[in-house]
Amino acid sequence: MVGVYYRPPNQDIEVDETFYQQLEKLSQSLPLVLVGDFNFPDICWRYNTAEREQSRRFLERVEDNFITQLVSEPTRESTLLDLLLVNREGLVGDVKVQGCLGQSDHEIIEFSILAEARQGASRTATLDFQKADFGLLRSMVASVPWETVLKAKGAQEGWSYFKEELSKAQEKAIPRSHKTSRQGRRRVWLNRELWLDLREKRKVYNLWKRGFVTSIYKAFVDAIIFN
């Protein structure tokens, strides 16, 4: 299971406890990858120590459930707020902290999930126009006394009647075919244009991090705003 979590800085202890209960249930039953802004700036992950009681409680529950935290560098200015938690060794790899999204002041955490994902198959029904009987369709549509029927109806009622009659004719004249498809590796929303924009934003950001140059910084800001 992959999850995203946000914990407000002033979250009540009771809410924390509810989260810990759910964390325990999930970590005992499923491979778990949990990423998010937990807002525990006082935790030192190198030595697993903390100043505040709520932070120490969080560390205890993480250790009790054999969960590992994999981010090792700051994610907001000089503090490490955004965490990557896993309950099994070898579940993720290639963890990187770099760049930011939009106008956020938090760094992006990038990582690879090493386990194979299950691809769900979807079965959809579509109209098979190659096998349609258009003669029957025209005949059924022509047999309806449209002018007489629609004359006494308003726009909305007339549209509903037209759609219903057309659907009836369609069901009789156009057969359906069922197709099974599997989701590919690239998400539908991630088209080539967006992918190129994201790559350009990352390249400009890396140049800016190596040395502050005004023109590069402006290009990075433009990439954030317009992409």
Protein backbone atom coordinates (compact mmCIF):
# COMPACT_ATOMS: atom_id res chain seq x y z
CA MET A 1 0.00 0.00 0.00
CA VAL A 2 1.18 3.51 -0.88
CA GLY A 3 -0.17 6.37 1.22
CA VAL A 4 0.26 10.13 1.62
CA TYR A 5 -0.11 11.83 5.01
CA TYR A 6 -0.12 15.40 6.31
CA ARG A 7 0.20 16.12 10.01
CA PRO A 8 -0.45 19.73 11.09
CA PRO A 9 2.19 21.18 13.45
CA ASN A 10 -0.36 21.62 16.28
CA GLN A 11 -2.14 18.29 15.92
CA ASP A 12 -3.76 16.95 19.10
CA ILE A 13 -2.32 13.92 20.88
CA GLU A 14 -5.66 12.11 20.46
CA VAL A 15 -5.46 12.46 16.68
CA ASP A 16 -1.87 11.24 16.74
CA GLU A 17 -2.96 8.15 18.66
CA THR A 18 -5.68 7.39 16.11
CA PHE A 19 -3.10 7.60 13.36
CA TYR A 20 -0.74 5.29 15.26
CA GLN A 21 -3.48 2.69 15.61
CA GLN A 22 -4.10 2.70 11.88
CA LEU A 23 -0.36 2.63 11.20
CA GLU A 24 0.02 -0.47 13.36
CA LYS A 25 -2.84 -2.30 11.59
CA LEU A 26 -1.49 -1.53 8.13
CA SER A 27 2.15 -2.25 8.89
CA GLN A 28 1.27 -5.70 10.24
CA SER A 29 -0.80 -6.76 7.24
CA LEU A 30 0.57 -5.07 4.10
CA PRO A 31 3.79 -3.85 2.50
CA LEU A 32 3.57 -0.15 3.34
CA VAL A 33 5.06 2.99 1.77
CA LEU A 34 3.97 6.18 3.51
CA VAL A 35 5.19 9.63 2.51
CA GLY A 36 4.21 13.08 3.71
CA ASP A 37 4.80 16.16 5.83
CA PHE A 38 4.80 15.00 9.46
CA ASN A 39 5.98 18.29 11.01
CA PHE A 40 8.43 16.89 13.57
CA PRO A 41 11.33 19.37 13.13
CA ASP A 42 12.95 18.44 16.45
CA ILE A 43 13.57 14.80 15.55
CA CYS A 44 17.17 13.87 14.81
CA TRP A 45 16.87 10.87 12.50
CA ARG A 46 20.57 10.13 12.62
CA TYR A 47 20.42 9.27 16.33
CA ASN A 48 16.63 8.69 16.64
CA THR A 49 16.24 11.35 19.33
CA ALA A 50 13.71 14.16 19.84
CA GLU A 51 13.10 17.08 22.18
CA ARG A 52 9.29 17.13 22.40
CA GLU A 53 7.13 14.44 23.96
CA GLN A 54 4.88 14.05 20.89
CA SER A 55 7.96 13.63 18.70
CA ARG A 56 9.39 10.97 21.00
CA ARG A 57 6.05 9.18 20.96
CA PHE A 58 6.15 9.14 17.17
CA LEU A 59 9.66 7.67 17.21
CA GLU A 60 8.55 4.96 19.62
CA ARG A 61 5.60 3.93 17.46
CA VAL A 62 7.76 3.85 14.35
CA GLU A 63 10.26 1.58 16.09
CA ASP A 64 7.54 -0.60 17.66
CA ASN A 65 6.15 -1.37 14.19
CA PHE A 66 9.59 -2.01 12.65
CA ILE A 67 9.19 0.93 10.29
CA THR A 68 12.19 2.63 8.68
CA GLN A 69 12.46 6.31 7.75
CA LEU A 70 14.51 6.80 4.55
CA VAL A 71 14.87 10.57 4.04
CA SER A 72 18.23 11.80 5.32
CA GLU A 73 18.45 15.45 4.25
CA PRO A 74 16.38 18.60 4.88
CA THR A 75 13.16 19.01 2.92
CA ARG A 76 12.23 22.55 4.01
CA GLU A 77 15.11 24.99 4.46
CA SER A 78 17.32 23.37 7.14
CA THR A 79 14.67 21.08 8.65
CA LEU A 80 13.60 17.56 7.78
CA LEU A 81 9.80 17.62 7.85
CA ASP A 82 8.85 15.32 4.98
CA LEU A 83 9.34 11.63 5.67
CA LEU A 84 9.35 8.38 3.71
CA LEU A 85 8.31 5.43 5.87
CA VAL A 86 8.48 1.76 4.85
CA ASN A 87 7.86 -1.43 6.81
CA ARG A 88 9.91 -3.81 4.68
CA GLU A 89 13.53 -3.78 3.60
CA GLY A 90 14.07 -3.42 -0.14
CA LEU A 91 10.59 -2.06 -0.79
CA VAL A 92 11.82 1.27 -2.22
CA GLY A 93 15.09 2.62 -3.59
CA ASP A 94 16.70 5.57 -5.38
CA VAL A 95 15.52 8.05 -2.74
CA LYS A 96 16.32 11.64 -3.78
CA VAL A 97 15.46 15.06 -2.40
CA GLN A 98 15.52 17.64 -5.16
CA GLY A 99 13.46 20.42 -6.69
CA CYS A 100 10.10 21.72 -5.60
CA LEU A 101 6.60 21.65 -7.01
CA GLY A 102 4.91 24.91 -7.92
CA GLN A 103 5.49 27.62 -5.33
CA SER A 104 5.87 25.20 -2.43
CA ASP A 105 8.85 25.76 -0.11
CA HIS A 106 9.21 22.00 0.43
CA GLU A 107 11.61 19.86 -1.59
CA ILE A 108 10.26 16.96 -3.64
CA ILE A 109 11.02 13.44 -2.43
CA GLU A 110 11.61 11.09 -5.34
CA PHE A 111 11.86 7.33 -4.96
CA SER A 112 11.28 4.09 -6.83
CA ILE A 113 9.01 1.32 -5.62
CA LEU A 114 10.91 -1.89 -6.28
CA ALA A 115 7.99 -4.27 -5.95
CA GLU A 116 5.89 -5.06 -9.02
CA ALA A 117 2.55 -3.28 -9.13
CA ARG A 118 -0.64 -5.10 -9.94
CA GLN A 119 -2.21 -3.77 -13.09
CA GLY A 120 -5.96 -3.83 -12.93
CA ALA A 121 -7.79 -4.90 -16.06
CA SER A 122 -10.89 -2.93 -16.98
CA ARG A 123 -13.65 -4.33 -19.17
CA THR A 124 -15.57 -1.69 -21.10
CA ALA A 125 -18.51 -1.97 -23.47
CA THR A 126 -18.37 0.09 -26.66
CA LEU A 127 -20.67 0.45 -29.64
CA ASP A 128 -19.52 -1.68 -32.60
CA PHE A 129 -20.38 0.59 -35.54
CA GLN A 130 -18.79 -1.82 -38.03
CA LYS A 131 -21.60 -4.28 -37.34
CA ALA A 132 -24.37 -1.67 -37.06
CA ASP A 133 -27.60 -1.95 -39.05
CA PHE A 134 -27.94 1.68 -40.12
CA GLY A 135 -31.02 0.87 -42.22
CA LEU A 136 -32.83 -0.32 -39.10
CA LEU A 137 -31.58 2.70 -37.16
CA ARG A 138 -32.90 5.15 -39.77
CA SER A 139 -36.21 3.29 -39.97
CA MET A 140 -36.77 3.36 -36.21
CA VAL A 141 -35.86 7.05 -35.91
CA ALA A 142 -38.12 7.94 -38.87
CA SER A 143 -41.07 6.06 -37.37
CA VAL A 144 -41.32 8.46 -34.42
CA PRO A 145 -43.76 11.39 -35.03
CA TRP A 146 -41.23 13.93 -33.79
CA GLU A 147 -43.09 17.10 -34.69
CA THR A 148 -46.28 16.00 -32.99
CA VAL A 149 -44.61 14.62 -29.90
CA LEU A 150 -42.11 17.43 -29.31
CA LYS A 151 -44.58 20.24 -29.96
CA ALA A 152 -46.21 19.84 -26.55
CA LYS A 153 -42.95 19.46 -24.64
CA GLY A 154 -40.48 21.97 -23.24
CA ALA A 155 -36.80 22.02 -24.14
CA GLN A 156 -35.62 19.78 -21.29
CA GLU A 157 -38.50 17.33 -21.56
CA GLY A 158 -38.17 17.22 -25.35
CA TRP A 159 -34.43 16.49 -25.10
CA SER A 160 -35.05 13.67 -22.61
CA TYR A 161 -37.66 12.12 -24.90
CA PHE A 162 -35.38 12.39 -27.96
CA LYS A 163 -32.47 10.84 -26.09
CA GLU A 164 -34.61 7.97 -24.81
CA GLU A 165 -35.99 7.12 -28.26
CA LEU A 166 -32.57 7.34 -29.86
CA SER A 167 -31.13 5.05 -27.18
CA LYS A 168 -33.85 2.48 -27.85
CA ALA A 169 -33.07 2.51 -31.57
CA GLN A 170 -29.36 2.34 -30.86
CA GLU A 171 -29.74 -0.72 -28.63
CA LYS A 172 -31.58 -2.60 -31.39
CA ALA A 173 -29.48 -1.49 -34.36
CA ILE A 174 -25.92 -1.25 -33.00
CA PRO A 175 -24.37 -4.21 -31.14
CA ARG A 176 -21.87 -3.76 -28.32
CA SER A 177 -18.37 -5.16 -28.12
CA HIS A 178 -16.45 -5.70 -24.88
CA LYS A 179 -12.79 -4.74 -24.64
CA THR A 180 -10.31 -5.49 -21.89
CA SER A 181 -7.50 -3.02 -21.38
CA ARG A 182 -4.61 -2.69 -18.97
CA GLN A 183 -3.17 0.59 -17.78
CA GLY A 184 0.23 1.30 -19.28
CA ARG A 185 3.30 2.50 -17.43
CA ARG A 186 2.75 6.16 -18.29
CA ARG A 187 -0.29 7.83 -16.74
CA VAL A 188 -2.91 9.25 -19.08
CA TRP A 189 -2.37 12.79 -17.81
CA LEU A 190 1.40 12.65 -18.31
CA ASN A 191 1.58 13.54 -21.98
CA ARG A 192 4.82 14.27 -23.82
CA GLU A 193 4.44 18.07 -23.55
CA LEU A 194 4.04 17.96 -19.76
CA TRP A 195 6.89 15.46 -19.41
CA LEU A 196 9.23 17.77 -21.35
CA ASP A 197 8.17 20.76 -19.21
CA LEU A 198 8.90 18.86 -15.99
CA ARG A 199 12.29 17.79 -17.30
CA GLU A 200 13.16 21.40 -18.21
CA LYS A 201 12.10 22.63 -14.75
CA ARG A 202 14.33 20.06 -13.06
CA LYS A 203 17.30 20.94 -15.28
CA VAL A 204 17.00 24.67 -14.53
CA TYR A 205 16.59 24.01 -10.81
CA ASN A 206 19.76 21.89 -10.68
CA LEU A 207 21.71 24.66 -12.43
CA TRP A 208 20.41 27.20 -9.93
CA LYS A 209 21.40 25.02 -6.95
CA ARG A 210 24.99 24.81 -8.18
CA GLY A 211 25.39 28.59 -8.19
CA PHE A 212 22.90 31.41 -7.73
CA VAL A 213 22.50 33.18 -11.08
CA THR A 214 19.67 35.70 -11.50
CA SER A 215 18.78 34.66 -15.04
CA ILE A 216 18.64 30.98 -14.07
CA TYR A 217 16.52 31.74 -11.01
CA LYS A 218 14.08 33.71 -13.19
CA ALA A 219 13.87 30.81 -15.64
CA PHE A 220 13.12 28.45 -12.76
CA VAL A 221 10.35 30.70 -11.41
CA ASP A 222 8.85 30.97 -14.90
CA ALA A 223 8.92 27.17 -15.20
CA ILE A 224 7.06 26.86 -11.89
CA ILE A 225 4.39 29.42 -12.75
CA PHE A 226 3.68 28.38 -16.31
CA ASN A 227 4.13 24.61 -15.97
